[in-house]
C-alpha atoms as a PDB file:
ATOM      1  CA  MET A   1      78.836  89.309 105.490  1.00  0.00           C
ATOM      2  CA  LYS A   2      80.094  90.313 102.059  1.00  0.00           C
ATOM      3  CA  PHE A   3      83.811  91.788 101.450  1.00  0.00           C
ATOM      4  CA  GLY A   4      85.148  94.013  98.876  1.00  0.00           C
ATOM      5  CA  TYR A   5      88.585  93.942  98.377  1.00  0.00           C
ATOM      6  CA  VAL A   6      90.263  96.340  96.030  1.00  0.00           C
ATOM      7  CA  ARG A   7      94.188  96.611  94.935  1.00  0.00           C
ATOM      8  CA  VAL A   8      96.477  99.138  92.802  1.00  0.00           C
ATOM      9  CA  SER A   9      99.836  98.652  92.527  1.00  0.00           C
ATOM     10  CA  SER A  10     100.728 102.313  93.835  1.00  0.00           C
ATOM     11  CA  LYS A  11      99.943 105.039  95.886  1.00  0.00           C
ATOM     12  CA  ASP A  12      99.083 107.644  92.625  1.00  0.00           C
ATOM     13  CA  GLN A  13      97.139 105.278  91.102  1.00  0.00           C
ATOM     14  CA  ASN A  14      92.867 105.270  91.123  1.00  0.00           C
ATOM     15  CA  THR A  15      90.731 103.118  93.012  1.00  0.00           C
ATOM     16  CA  GLU A  16      87.498 104.743  91.827  1.00  0.00           C
ATOM     17  CA  ARG A  17      86.181 101.953  89.292  1.00  0.00           C
ATOM     18  CA  GLN A  18      86.883  99.325  91.617  1.00  0.00           C
ATOM     19  CA  LEU A  19      85.312 101.001  94.689  1.00  0.00           C
ATOM     20  CA  LYS A  20      82.074 101.758  92.591  1.00  0.00           C
ATOM     21  CA  LYS A  21      81.656  98.298  91.772  1.00  0.00           C
ATOM     22  CA  MET A  22      81.891  97.497  95.531  1.00  0.00           C
ATOM     23  CA  HIS A  23      79.454  99.943  96.859  1.00  0.00           C
ATOM     24  CA  GLU A  24      76.811  98.870  93.710  1.00  0.00           C
ATOM     25  CA  LEU A  25      76.939  95.209  95.317  1.00  0.00           C
ATOM     26  CA  GLY A  26      75.919  97.219  98.474  1.00  0.00           C
ATOM     27  CA  ILE A  27      79.013  96.191 100.606  1.00  0.00           C
ATOM     28  CA  GLU A  28      79.275  98.510 103.804  1.00  0.00           C
ATOM     29  CA  GLU A  29      82.332 100.700 103.471  1.00  0.00           C
ATOM     30  CA  ARG A  30      83.890  99.153 106.823  1.00  0.00           C
ATOM     31  CA  TYR A  31      84.032  95.826 104.920  1.00  0.00           C
ATOM     32  CA  ILE A  32      85.622  97.435 101.786  1.00  0.00           C
ATOM     33  CA  PHE A  33      89.834  97.060 102.075  1.00  0.00           C
ATOM     34  CA  VAL A  34      92.034  99.097  99.510  1.00  0.00           C
ATOM     35  CA  ASP A  35      95.688  98.342  99.477  1.00  0.00           C
ATOM     36  CA  LYS A  36      97.603 100.200  97.291  1.00  0.00           C
ATOM     37  CA  GLN A  37     100.789  98.183  96.680  1.00  0.00           C
ATOM     38  CA  SER A  38     102.323  95.339  94.505  1.00  0.00           C
ATOM     39  CA  GLY A  39     100.898  92.162  94.262  1.00  0.00           C
ATOM     40  CA  LYS A  40     104.093  90.220  94.290  1.00  0.00           C
ATOM     41  CA  ASP A  41     103.310  89.027  97.694  1.00  0.00           C
ATOM     42  CA  PHE A  42     100.446  88.967 100.357  1.00  0.00           C
ATOM     43  CA  ASP A  43     102.095  91.067 102.822  1.00  0.00           C
ATOM     44  CA  ARG A  44      99.664  94.092 102.480  1.00  0.00           C
ATOM     45  CA  PRO A  45      97.686  95.046 105.840  1.00  0.00           C
ATOM     46  CA  LYS A  46      94.349  95.577 104.178  1.00  0.00           C
ATOM     47  CA  TYR A  47      94.260  92.567 102.662  1.00  0.00           C
ATOM     48  CA  GLN A  48      95.661  90.963 106.351  1.00  0.00           C
ATOM     49  CA  ALA A  49      93.182  92.879 108.256  1.00  0.00           C
ATOM     50  CA  MET A  50      90.318  91.631 106.025  1.00  0.00           C
ATOM     51  CA  LYS A  51      91.567  87.554 106.092  1.00  0.00           C
ATOM     52  CA  MET A  52      91.309  88.116 109.781  1.00  0.00           C
ATOM     53  CA  MET A  53      87.721  88.863 109.233  1.00  0.00           C
ATOM     54  CA  ILE A  54      86.524  86.250 106.988  1.00  0.00           C
ATOM     55  CA  ARG A  55      84.341  83.438 108.787  1.00  0.00           C
ATOM     56  CA  GLU A  56      82.426  80.156 107.024  1.00  0.00           C
ATOM     57  CA  LYS A  57      80.203  81.237 104.478  1.00  0.00           C
ATOM     58  CA  ASP A  58      81.051  85.283 103.643  1.00  0.00           C
ATOM     59  CA  LEU A  59      81.833  86.186 100.464  1.00  0.00           C
ATOM     60  CA  VAL A  60      84.694  88.328  99.322  1.00  0.00           C
ATOM     61  CA  TYR A  61      84.383  90.434  96.103  1.00  0.00           C
ATOM     62  CA  LEU A  62      87.423  91.039  93.892  1.00  0.00           C
ATOM     63  CA  ASP A  63      87.133  93.101  90.358  1.00  0.00           C
ATOM     64  CA  ALA A  64      89.673  90.651  88.585  1.00  0.00           C
ATOM     65  CA  LEU A  65      91.933  87.851  89.757  1.00  0.00           C
ATOM     66  CA  GLY A  66      94.936  89.876  89.411  1.00  0.00           C
ATOM     67  CA  ARG A  67      93.469  92.394  92.136  1.00  0.00           C
ATOM     68  CA  LEU A  68      94.045  89.225  94.464  1.00  0.00           C
ATOM     69  CA  GLY A  69      97.869  89.386  93.635  1.00  0.00           C
ATOM     70  CA  ARG A  70     100.151  88.637  90.891  1.00  0.00           C
ATOM     71  CA  ASP A  71     102.111  85.730  92.387  1.00  0.00           C
ATOM     72  CA  TYR A  72     101.117  82.078  90.895  1.00  0.00           C
ATOM     73  CA  ASP A  73     101.550  79.795  93.956  1.00  0.00           C
ATOM     74  CA  GLY A  74     100.592  83.004  96.521  1.00  0.00           C
ATOM     75  CA  ILE A  75      97.147  82.960  94.537  1.00  0.00           C
ATOM     76  CA  ILE A  76      96.059  79.230  94.095  1.00  0.00           C
ATOM     77  CA  ARG A  77      97.502  79.111  98.401  1.00  0.00           C
ATOM     78  CA  GLU A  78      95.016  82.061  99.126  1.00  0.00           C
ATOM     79  CA  TRP A  79      92.107  81.341  97.277  1.00  0.00           C
ATOM     80  CA  ARG A  80      92.185  77.781  98.590  1.00  0.00           C
ATOM     81  CA  ASP A  81      92.748  79.064 102.034  1.00  0.00           C
ATOM     82  CA  ILE A  82      89.953  81.188 101.979  1.00  0.00           C
ATOM     83  CA  THR A  83      87.394  78.719 100.052  1.00  0.00           C
ATOM     84  CA  ARG A  84      88.535  75.534 101.508  1.00  0.00           C
ATOM     85  CA  GLU A  85      90.366  75.798 104.827  1.00  0.00           C
ATOM     86  CA  VAL A  86      88.036  78.973 106.283  1.00  0.00           C
ATOM     87  CA  ASN A  87      84.550  77.713 103.899  1.00  0.00           C
ATOM     88  CA  ALA A  88      83.964  81.225 102.952  1.00  0.00           C
ATOM     89  CA  ASP A  89      83.871  82.061  98.962  1.00  0.00           C
ATOM     90  CA  ILE A  90      85.060  84.693  96.412  1.00  0.00           C
ATOM     91  CA  ILE A  91      83.717  85.892  93.535  1.00  0.00           C
ATOM     92  CA  VAL A  92      85.516  87.390  90.491  1.00  0.00           C
ATOM     93  CA  LEU A  93      83.173  90.082  89.184  1.00  0.00           C
ATOM     94  CA  GLU A  94      85.432  89.970  85.703  1.00  0.00           C
ATOM     95  CA  ASN A  95      85.204  86.565  85.117  1.00  0.00           C
ATOM     96  CA  GLU A  96      81.614  85.993  87.545  1.00  0.00           C
ATOM     97  CA  SER A  97      80.562  83.013  85.516  1.00  0.00           C
ATOM     98  CA  LEU A  98      83.654  81.185  85.603  1.00  0.00           C
ATOM     99  CA  PHE A  99      84.816  82.295  88.795  1.00  0.00           C
ATOM    100  CA  ASP A 100      82.332  82.263  91.614  1.00  0.00           C
ATOM    101  CA  SER A 101      83.385  79.686  94.402  1.00  0.00           C
ATOM    102  CA  ARG A 102      79.767  79.006  95.248  1.00  0.00           C
ATOM    103  CA  LYS A 103      79.256  76.911  92.041  1.00  0.00           C
ATOM    104  CA  PHE A 104      82.385  74.977  92.131  1.00  0.00           C
ATOM    105  CA  LYS A 105      81.414  73.842  95.586  1.00  0.00           C
ATOM    106  CA  THR A 106      78.010  72.860  94.136  1.00  0.00           C
ATOM    107  CA  MET A 107      79.955  70.086  91.808  1.00  0.00           C
ATOM    108  CA  GLY A 108      81.543  68.165  94.781  1.00  0.00           C
ATOM    109  CA  ASP A 109      84.936  66.610  93.513  1.00  0.00           C
ATOM    110  CA  LEU A 110      84.538  67.884  89.867  1.00  0.00           C
ATOM    111  CA  GLY A 111      84.344  71.073  90.671  1.00  0.00           C
ATOM    112  CA  LYS A 112      87.186  71.031  92.823  1.00  0.00           C
ATOM    113  CA  LEU A 113      89.202  69.725  89.958  1.00  0.00           C
ATOM    114  CA  LEU A 114      87.594  72.474  87.505  1.00  0.00           C
ATOM    115  CA  GLU A 115      88.086  75.196  89.929  1.00  0.00           C
ATOM    116  CA  ASP A 116      91.692  73.973  90.265  1.00  0.00           C
ATOM    117  CA  GLN A 117      92.288  74.233  86.470  1.00  0.00           C
ATOM    118  CA  PHE A 118      90.783  77.358  86.075  1.00  0.00           C
ATOM    119  CA  LEU A 119      92.515  78.688  89.038  1.00  0.00           C
ATOM    120  CA  SER A 120      96.145  77.552  87.666  1.00  0.00           C
ATOM    121  CA  MET A 121      95.540  78.704  84.155  1.00  0.00           C
ATOM    122  CA  LEU A 122      94.204  82.309  85.306  1.00  0.00           C
ATOM    123  CA  SER A 123      97.010  82.888  88.055  1.00  0.00           C
ATOM    124  CA  TYR A 124      99.696  82.001  85.332  1.00  0.00           C
ATOM    125  CA  VAL A 125      98.272  84.694  83.436  1.00  0.00           C
ATOM    126  CA  ALA A 126      98.031  87.064  86.077  1.00  0.00           C
ATOM    127  CA  GLU A 127     101.785  86.524  86.986  1.00  0.00           C
ATOM    128  CA  GLN A 128     103.027  86.509  83.637  1.00  0.00           C
ATOM    129  CA  GLU A 129     101.119  90.029  83.353  1.00  0.00           C
ATOM    130  CA  ARG A 130     103.625  91.310  86.682  1.00  0.00           C
ATOM    131  CA  LYS A 131     106.627  90.234  84.727  1.00  0.00           C
ATOM    132  CA  LYS A 132     105.614  92.212  81.949  1.00  0.00           C
ATOM    133  CA  ILE A 133     105.037  95.123  83.822  1.00  0.00           C
ATOM    134  CA  LYS A 134     108.472  94.690  85.586  1.00  0.00           C
ATOM    135  CA  GLN A 135     109.912  94.297  82.153  1.00  0.00           C
ATOM    136  CA  ARG A 136     108.742  97.403  80.718  1.00  0.00           C
ATOM    137  CA  GLN A 137     109.505  99.417  83.707  1.00  0.00           C
ATOM    138  CA  ALA A 138     112.957  98.209  83.460  1.00  0.00           C
ATOM    139  CA  GLU A 139     113.332  98.694  79.455  1.00  0.00           C
ATOM    140  CA  GLY A 140     111.385 102.299  80.532  1.00  0.00           C
ATOM    141  CA  ILE A 141     114.223 103.244  82.925  1.00  0.00           C
ATOM    142  CA  GLU A 142     116.852 102.031  80.328  1.00  0.00           C
ATOM    143  CA  VAL A 143     115.672 104.434  77.910  1.00  0.00           C
ATOM    144  CA  ALA A 144     115.204 107.509  80.336  1.00  0.00           C
ATOM    145  CA  LEU A 145     119.142 106.846  81.204  1.00  0.00           C
ATOM    146  CA  GLY A 146     119.828 106.647  77.937  1.00  0.00           C
ATOM    147  CA  ARG A 147     118.545 110.012  77.185  1.00  0.00           C
ATOM    148  CA  GLY A 148     120.505 111.251  80.484  1.00  0.00           C
ATOM    149  CA  VAL A 149     117.734 111.384  83.118  1.00  0.00           C
ATOM    150  CA  ARG A 150     118.618 111.280  86.569  1.00  0.00           C
ATOM    151  CA  PHE A 151     116.638 109.405  89.132  1.00  0.00           C
ATOM    152  CA  GLY A 152     116.943 109.987  92.903  1.00  0.00           C
ATOM    153  CA  ARG A 153     117.262 113.227  94.752  1.00  0.00           C
ATOM    154  CA  PRO A 154     119.774 115.387  92.710  1.00  0.00           C
ATOM    155  CA  LYS A 155     123.402 115.278  93.999  1.00  0.00           C
ATOM    156  CA  GLN A 156     124.381 118.605  95.942  1.00  0.00           C
ATOM    157  CA  GLY A 157     127.681 119.574  95.186  1.00  0.00           C
ATOM    158  CA  VAL A 158     130.032 122.188  97.074  1.00  0.00           C
ATOM    159  CA  THR A 159     128.124 125.099  97.883  1.00  0.00           C
ATOM    160  CA  GLU A 160     128.894 128.857  98.825  1.00  0.00           C
ATOM    161  CA  ASP A 161     127.655 128.088 102.415  1.00  0.00           C
ATOM    162  CA  PHE A 162     129.632 125.097 102.540  1.00  0.00           C
ATOM    163  CA  LYS A 163     132.801 126.789 101.612  1.00  0.00           C
ATOM    164  CA  LYS A 164     132.265 129.284 104.038  1.00  0.00           C
ATOM    165  CA  VAL A 165     131.690 126.865 107.131  1.00  0.00           C
ATOM    166  CA  TYR A 166     134.651 124.545 105.736  1.00  0.00           C
ATOM    167  CA  HIS A 167     137.191 127.284 105.787  1.00  0.00           C
ATOM    168  CA  GLU A 168     136.404 128.785 109.571  1.00  0.00           C
ATOM    169  CA  TRP A 169     136.530 124.766 110.576  1.00  0.00           C
ATOM    170  CA  LYS A 170     139.926 124.667 109.000  1.00  0.00           C
ATOM    171  CA  SER A 171     141.355 127.912 110.159  1.00  0.00           C
ATOM    172  CA  GLY A 172     139.991 126.958 113.441  1.00  0.00           C
ATOM    173  CA  GLY A 173     137.186 129.168 114.219  1.00  0.00           C
ATOM    174  CA  MET A 174     134.741 125.863 114.943  1.00  0.00           C
ATOM    175  CA  THR A 175     134.768 122.192 115.656  1.00  0.00           C
ATOM    176  CA  ALA A 176     133.535 119.858 112.627  1.00  0.00           C
ATOM    177  CA  VAL A 177     130.498 118.992 114.990  1.00  0.00           C
ATOM    178  CA  ALA A 178     129.444 122.198 115.082  1.00  0.00           C
ATOM    179  CA  ALA A 179     130.455 122.776 111.428  1.00  0.00           C
ATOM    180  CA  MET A 180     128.098 119.763 110.224  1.00  0.00           C
ATOM    181  CA  LYS A 181     125.382 120.834 112.515  1.00  0.00           C
ATOM    182  CA  GLN A 182     125.354 124.378 111.110  1.00  0.00           C
ATOM    183  CA  LEU A 183     125.517 122.785 107.417  1.00  0.00           C
ATOM    184  CA  GLY A 184     123.135 119.752 108.733  1.00  0.00           C
ATOM    185  CA  LEU A 185     125.330 117.064 107.278  1.00  0.00           C
ATOM    186  CA  LYS A 186     125.948 113.747 108.093  1.00  0.00           C
ATOM    187  CA  PRO A 187     129.969 113.247 108.857  1.00  0.00           C
ATOM    188  CA  ASN A 188     130.327 110.991 105.964  1.00  0.00           C
ATOM    189  CA  THR A 189     128.561 113.743 103.730  1.00  0.00           C
ATOM    190  CA  PHE A 190     130.574 116.360 105.404  1.00  0.00           C
ATOM    191  CA  TYR A 191     133.996 114.945 104.931  1.00  0.00           C
ATOM    192  CA  ARG A 192     132.942 114.169 101.305  1.00  0.00           C
ATOM    193  CA  ARG A 193     132.427 117.315 100.481  1.00  0.00           C
ATOM    194  CA  ALA A 194     135.427 118.590 101.923  1.00  0.00           C
ATOM    195  CA  LYS A 195     137.621 116.226  99.812  1.00  0.00           C
ATOM    196  CA  GLU A 196     136.178 117.345  96.709  1.00  0.00           C
ATOM    197  CA  LEU A 197     136.891 121.091  97.886  1.00  0.00           C
ATOM    198  CA  VAL A 198     140.210 120.131  98.470  1.00  0.00           C
ATOM    199  CA  LYS A 199     140.601 118.011  95.211  1.00  0.00           C
ATOM    200  CA  ASN A 200     138.746 120.822  93.223  1.00  0.00           C
ATOM    201  CA  GLY A 201     140.702 123.123  94.848  1.00  0.00           C
END
């Protein structure tokens, strides 16, 4: 059985290039598993679903080693689990001449040694790339904050609607619960804005 695993780091990234490769290999749609989340760990729903289906002599195709993950220890652990415990095989299309676990198996103990060396080197590179991505993101946020860009939901201050309901509540025309319900606010937000209103006169 042939499986294809496709991963991108976020929901807005495109998977088409990876999917095209899997289709060209003749992998059935139902055996192509796609995750749209970070490779920092292996707690990914589609990856875990695929692992539950893999059996001895199955083939798992990846576009690149980084698609499997970005964690050094995790990549080595998962690779060994699939190729040595389950006794399936992994083919990395980007480095197929080096990363086809079937080739290492034909070389016996020497193959294991070579596989471990190559895997250690490339998984290290994958993890370093993840660290660089995180650093670039942090630097980008810092620059944006320096320019005055705000992240998250825009903070809503005291609106005219709030003032109207607040004065009705303070004059005894309605209960605090009714005021919160009308404004759609939680107690802590309601009382915080009431405090702001009093403070600002």
